[in-house]
Amino acid sequence: MASKPRSQGQAAPGWAKRRASVPEPRCYAARPSTTGVLLTDTTSTTKQSKIWVIGGAALVAAIGMAAWLLGRPTESEEIAANEIPSEPAMAAAAKPVESGPSLQVKPAPSDPTAKPETPTPTTPPPAADDVDVFADAMPEFMVDIHARVLDKKWLGVEDQKKLYTYGKEHRDDARPQLLLAWDARNREWDGMAITVYGTAFRADPRARQDKKNLRDLVDLASNHEVERVEFTDAEQIIRESFGPDAIPIVEEQLAKAEEMGQMARATRLSHMRDTLRGK
């Protein structure tokens, strides 16, 4: 007998409702208990086990991929590895090249009639010219003082103060010290002149290249006995500032002293020369 079609809005038969409401099959596990055998629902545990298995597999795959990527050599390392020569190639490169027999060149027979070459004498370098530190532009007040000192005129107290003050403010300028030394020389203040000369040489080494200053020091020393402080101070300044280079000037004045019969002065100059020679 054919079933009639169900009209729209008609309720479902009872067997359909029963089929729709059939519960999902459950999984039970037998577990021993003190009272007997206990059945435990393992449905949720089975689902969780499936999830853990799938997740573990994915994690292992990810770790393997990362290890492969990290362990893979970079492009530069691959290029460098390809450029490394093999052991046979390196051994061949390290093997020294055997050289052939050396050729001995026989010297050409000398001509007995040829004249030997005379060596060309080498000319020593010319001595440095005297350096005039006053050739540079001077302060206005110093121009007049410089002219007065060269004319052997004594400086006034105000001029001396100006030079002293300028020297304190310009410690690398030897000109104020030289003017004070020359003024003391004009006054025959030998001890002061020697001391100020030493200060000038320390301020600007170029002052040592003016031979006038060296001649003054040598003359000042030779005018005093060897035991006097003027001689010892001047000799020390000459030795420290000029060394053996001062010997020609000393010998120059020594010859003049002997020519003029100034034997005491010649003896002092000879003593200074021996000291500069290291005797």
Protein backbone atom coordinates (compact mmCIF):
# COMPACT_ATOMS: atom_id res chain seq x y z
CA MET A 1 0.00 0.00 0.00
CA ALA A 2 1.47 3.28 -1.08
CA SER A 3 2.10 5.93 1.59
CA LYS A 4 0.46 9.21 1.29
CA PRO A 5 2.55 12.28 0.87
CA ARG A 6 2.81 14.38 3.96
CA SER A 7 1.39 17.81 3.57
CA GLN A 8 3.30 20.91 4.52
CA GLY A 9 3.04 21.64 8.21
CA GLN A 10 2.14 18.05 9.14
CA ALA A 11 4.00 16.61 12.15
CA ALA A 12 6.62 13.92 11.64
CA PRO A 13 5.69 10.40 12.56
CA GLY A 14 6.85 8.94 15.85
CA TRP A 15 9.50 6.60 14.37
CA ALA A 16 11.24 9.60 12.72
CA LYS A 17 11.37 11.38 16.02
CA ARG A 18 12.80 8.33 17.66
CA ARG A 19 15.49 8.00 14.97
CA ALA A 20 16.48 11.67 15.27
CA SER A 21 16.79 11.41 18.99
CA VAL A 22 19.01 8.30 18.93
CA PRO A 23 21.97 9.20 21.16
CA GLU A 24 25.57 9.00 19.95
CA PRO A 25 27.12 5.66 20.85
CA ARG A 26 29.15 5.77 24.00
CA CYS A 27 32.41 3.99 24.73
CA TYR A 28 32.91 2.25 28.07
CA ALA A 29 35.97 0.73 29.63
CA ALA A 30 35.91 -1.91 32.35
CA ARG A 31 37.96 -0.99 35.40
CA PRO A 32 38.31 -3.17 38.46
CA SER A 33 36.93 -1.82 41.68
CA THR A 34 36.73 -2.94 45.32
CA THR A 35 33.02 -3.59 44.82
CA GLY A 36 33.38 -5.41 41.51
CA VAL A 37 33.82 -4.23 37.90
CA LEU A 38 33.21 -0.55 37.23
CA LEU A 39 32.32 0.70 33.75
CA THR A 40 33.80 4.11 32.87
CA ASP A 41 32.68 6.35 30.02
CA THR A 42 35.71 6.89 27.76
CA THR A 43 34.01 8.78 24.98
CA SER A 44 35.55 12.17 25.81
CA THR A 45 38.94 10.59 26.52
CA THR A 46 38.97 8.95 23.10
CA LYS A 47 38.23 12.28 21.43
CA GLN A 48 40.99 13.98 23.36
CA SER A 49 43.44 11.21 22.43
CA LYS A 50 42.67 11.73 18.75
CA ILE A 51 43.25 15.48 19.13
CA TRP A 52 46.60 14.91 20.89
CA VAL A 53 47.74 12.46 18.22
CA ILE A 54 46.92 14.86 15.40
CA GLY A 55 48.52 17.81 17.23
CA GLY A 56 51.66 15.79 18.04
CA ALA A 57 52.07 14.78 14.43
CA ALA A 58 51.76 18.40 13.32
CA LEU A 59 54.33 19.52 15.92
CA VAL A 60 56.82 16.85 14.86
CA ALA A 61 56.43 17.90 11.23
CA ALA A 62 56.99 21.57 12.13
CA ILE A 63 60.12 20.74 14.16
CA GLY A 64 61.50 18.64 11.32
CA MET A 65 60.90 21.44 8.79
CA ALA A 66 62.63 24.00 11.05
CA ALA A 67 65.62 21.69 11.60
CA TRP A 68 65.96 21.19 7.85
CA LEU A 69 65.84 24.93 7.17
CA LEU A 70 68.32 25.80 9.93
CA GLY A 71 70.72 23.01 9.09
CA ARG A 72 70.82 23.82 5.41
CA PRO A 73 74.01 25.71 4.37
CA THR A 74 73.58 29.25 3.13
CA GLU A 75 74.30 30.27 -0.42
CA SER A 76 77.56 31.99 0.56
CA GLU A 77 78.69 28.86 2.43
CA GLU A 78 77.96 26.72 -0.60
CA ILE A 79 79.99 29.08 -2.81
CA ALA A 80 82.86 29.13 -0.31
CA ALA A 81 82.80 25.32 -0.09
CA ASN A 82 82.98 25.04 -3.87
CA GLU A 83 85.97 27.40 -3.95
CA ILE A 84 88.02 25.33 -1.45
CA PRO A 85 90.54 23.35 -3.48
CA SER A 86 90.78 19.65 -3.02
CA GLU A 87 93.75 18.05 -1.24
CA PRO A 88 95.58 17.07 -4.46
CA ALA A 89 95.19 20.62 -5.77
CA MET A 90 96.49 22.11 -2.51
CA ALA A 91 99.42 19.71 -2.48
CA ALA A 92 100.27 20.67 -6.04
CA ALA A 93 100.14 24.37 -5.16
CA ALA A 94 102.37 23.87 -2.11
CA LYS A 95 104.97 21.90 -4.05
CA PRO A 96 107.96 24.15 -4.78
CA VAL A 97 108.84 24.77 -8.36
CA GLU A 98 112.09 23.17 -9.27
CA SER A 99 114.41 25.72 -10.72
CA GLY A 100 116.86 24.92 -13.41
CA PRO A 101 120.60 25.23 -13.13
CA SER A 102 121.72 28.74 -12.20
CA LEU A 103 123.54 30.71 -14.81
CA GLN A 104 126.86 32.17 -13.79
CA VAL A 105 127.74 35.40 -15.52
CA LYS A 106 131.43 35.82 -15.90
CA PRO A 107 132.71 39.38 -15.49
CA ALA A 108 134.08 40.99 -18.57
CA PRO A 109 137.85 41.13 -18.68
CA SER A 110 139.17 44.46 -17.45
CA ASP A 111 141.10 46.70 -19.73
CA PRO A 112 144.61 47.14 -18.28
CA THR A 113 145.01 50.43 -20.13
CA ALA A 114 141.81 51.95 -18.69
CA LYS A 115 142.26 54.50 -15.90
CA PRO A 116 140.47 53.81 -12.62
CA GLU A 117 137.51 56.04 -11.93
CA THR A 118 138.10 58.59 -9.20
CA PRO A 119 135.18 58.94 -6.77
CA THR A 120 133.40 62.25 -6.91
CA PRO A 121 133.87 64.07 -3.60
CA THR A 122 130.62 64.61 -1.77
CA THR A 123 130.01 68.16 -0.71
CA PRO A 124 128.77 68.45 2.88
CA PRO A 125 125.46 70.25 3.27
CA PRO A 126 125.87 73.96 3.86
CA ALA A 127 125.58 75.13 7.44
CA ALA A 128 122.29 76.65 8.45
CA ASP A 129 122.19 80.41 8.09
CA ASP A 130 121.82 82.59 11.12
CA VAL A 131 118.22 83.01 12.17
CA ASP A 132 117.12 86.50 13.16
CA VAL A 133 114.02 86.17 15.34
CA PHE A 134 113.56 89.94 15.08
CA ALA A 135 112.93 89.68 11.34
CA ASP A 136 109.28 88.92 12.09
CA ALA A 137 106.82 91.72 12.76
CA MET A 138 107.33 93.10 16.26
CA PRO A 139 104.88 94.83 18.59
CA GLU A 140 105.05 98.60 18.25
CA PHE A 141 106.64 99.19 21.65
CA MET A 142 109.37 96.63 20.90
CA VAL A 143 110.56 98.34 17.72
CA ASP A 144 111.98 101.36 19.60
CA ILE A 145 113.44 99.18 22.37
CA HIS A 146 115.18 96.99 19.80
CA ALA A 147 116.78 100.04 18.16
CA ARG A 148 117.95 101.43 21.52
CA VAL A 149 119.59 98.15 22.56
CA LEU A 150 121.46 97.84 19.25
CA ASP A 151 122.76 101.39 19.78
CA LYS A 152 124.16 100.28 23.17
CA LYS A 153 121.75 102.57 25.02
CA TRP A 154 120.44 101.50 28.36
CA LEU A 155 116.78 100.76 28.73
CA GLY A 156 114.65 102.60 31.25
CA VAL A 157 112.67 100.86 33.97
CA GLU A 158 109.40 101.26 32.07
CA ASP A 159 110.87 99.58 28.98
CA GLN A 160 112.18 96.72 31.09
CA LYS A 161 108.74 96.28 32.68
CA LYS A 162 107.08 96.17 29.27
CA LEU A 163 109.48 93.46 28.10
CA TYR A 164 109.01 91.50 31.32
CA THR A 165 105.20 91.66 31.09
CA TYR A 166 105.19 90.71 27.39
CA GLY A 167 107.50 87.80 28.09
CA LYS A 168 105.17 86.42 30.77
CA GLU A 169 102.20 86.62 28.37
CA HIS A 170 104.14 85.12 25.42
CA ARG A 171 106.35 82.41 26.90
CA ASP A 172 107.24 80.97 23.49
CA ASP A 173 108.68 84.29 22.25
CA ALA A 174 112.41 84.73 22.87
CA ARG A 175 112.59 88.36 21.76
CA PRO A 176 111.78 90.07 25.08
CA GLN A 177 114.32 87.84 26.85
CA LEU A 178 116.99 88.54 24.25
CA LEU A 179 116.45 92.31 24.54
CA LEU A 180 116.79 92.07 28.32
CA ALA A 181 119.95 89.96 27.91
CA TRP A 182 121.46 92.47 25.50
CA ASP A 183 120.59 95.35 27.80
CA ALA A 184 122.29 93.53 30.70
CA ARG A 185 125.30 92.93 28.45
CA ASN A 186 125.48 96.63 27.68
CA ARG A 187 125.44 97.37 31.41
CA GLU A 188 128.10 94.66 32.03
CA TRP A 189 125.70 92.73 34.22
CA ASP A 190 127.28 89.48 33.11
CA GLY A 191 125.51 87.16 35.57
CA MET A 192 122.05 88.48 34.64
CA ALA A 193 122.82 88.41 30.91
CA ILE A 194 123.87 84.73 31.10
CA THR A 195 120.71 83.77 33.03
CA VAL A 196 118.35 85.58 30.64
CA TYR A 197 120.09 84.03 27.62
CA GLY A 198 119.24 80.61 29.01
CA THR A 199 115.58 81.66 29.40
CA ALA A 200 115.48 82.89 25.78
CA PHE A 201 116.89 79.62 24.41
CA ARG A 202 114.22 77.66 26.28
CA ALA A 203 111.43 79.96 25.07
CA ASP A 204 112.25 79.64 21.35
CA PRO A 205 114.97 77.24 20.11
CA ARG A 206 115.43 79.43 17.03
CA ALA A 207 117.31 81.91 19.22
CA ARG A 208 120.14 79.36 19.38
CA GLN A 209 120.66 79.69 15.62
CA ASP A 210 121.69 83.32 15.97
CA LYS A 211 125.48 83.02 16.29
CA LYS A 212 125.66 86.45 17.91
CA ASN A 213 124.02 85.00 21.02
CA LEU A 214 126.49 82.08 21.18
CA ARG A 215 129.47 84.42 20.75
CA ASP A 216 128.16 86.58 23.57
CA LEU A 217 127.87 83.58 25.90
CA VAL A 218 131.37 82.31 25.07
CA ASP A 219 132.84 85.78 25.60
CA LEU A 220 130.98 86.22 28.90
CA ALA A 221 132.26 82.89 30.21
CA SER A 222 135.86 83.54 29.19
CA ASN A 223 135.94 86.81 31.13
CA HIS A 224 135.57 84.98 34.45
CA GLU A 225 137.60 82.37 36.24
CA VAL A 226 136.64 78.75 35.77
CA GLU A 227 135.55 78.48 39.41
CA ARG A 228 133.17 81.45 39.26
CA VAL A 229 129.42 81.02 38.83
CA GLU A 230 129.39 83.17 35.69
CA PHE A 231 131.71 80.76 33.91
CA THR A 232 130.02 77.57 35.14
CA ASP A 233 126.51 78.84 34.33
CA ALA A 234 127.49 79.99 30.84
CA GLU A 235 129.34 76.75 30.14
CA GLN A 236 126.32 74.70 31.22
CA ILE A 237 123.94 76.69 28.99
CA ILE A 238 126.32 76.32 26.03
CA ARG A 239 126.68 72.57 26.62
CA GLU A 240 122.91 71.99 26.97
CA SER A 241 121.82 74.31 24.14
CA PHE A 242 124.57 73.76 21.55
CA GLY A 243 126.76 70.83 22.58
CA PRO A 244 129.72 70.08 20.27
CA ASP A 245 128.27 72.46 17.66
CA ALA A 246 129.64 75.32 19.76
CA ILE A 247 133.26 74.14 19.44
CA PRO A 248 134.01 76.16 16.23
CA ILE A 249 132.96 79.41 17.94
CA VAL A 250 135.03 78.54 21.02
CA GLU A 251 138.08 77.77 18.90
CA GLU A 252 137.55 80.99 16.95
CA GLN A 253 137.74 83.06 20.15
CA LEU A 254 140.58 80.88 21.48
CA ALA A 255 142.70 81.72 18.43
CA LYS A 256 142.03 85.45 18.91
CA ALA A 257 142.92 85.26 22.62
CA GLU A 258 146.22 83.50 21.84
CA GLU A 259 146.96 86.00 19.08
CA MET A 260 146.42 88.91 21.47
CA GLY A 261 148.45 87.25 24.22
CA GLN A 262 145.44 86.82 26.57
CA MET A 263 146.74 83.59 28.03
CA ALA A 264 144.37 83.45 31.03
CA ARG A 265 141.37 83.88 28.75
CA ALA A 266 142.82 81.34 26.30
CA THR A 267 143.17 78.83 29.16
CA ARG A 268 139.49 79.20 30.07
CA LEU A 269 138.42 78.80 26.45
CA SER A 270 140.59 75.71 26.12
CA HIS A 271 138.91 74.31 29.24
CA MET A 272 135.48 74.94 27.70
CA ARG A 273 136.48 73.25 24.45
CA ASP A 274 137.65 70.15 26.29
CA THR A 275 134.39 70.04 28.22
CA LEU A 276 132.36 70.19 24.99
CA ARG A 277 134.50 67.38 23.56
CA GLY A 278 133.63 65.23 26.55
CA LYS A 279 137.11 65.20 28.08
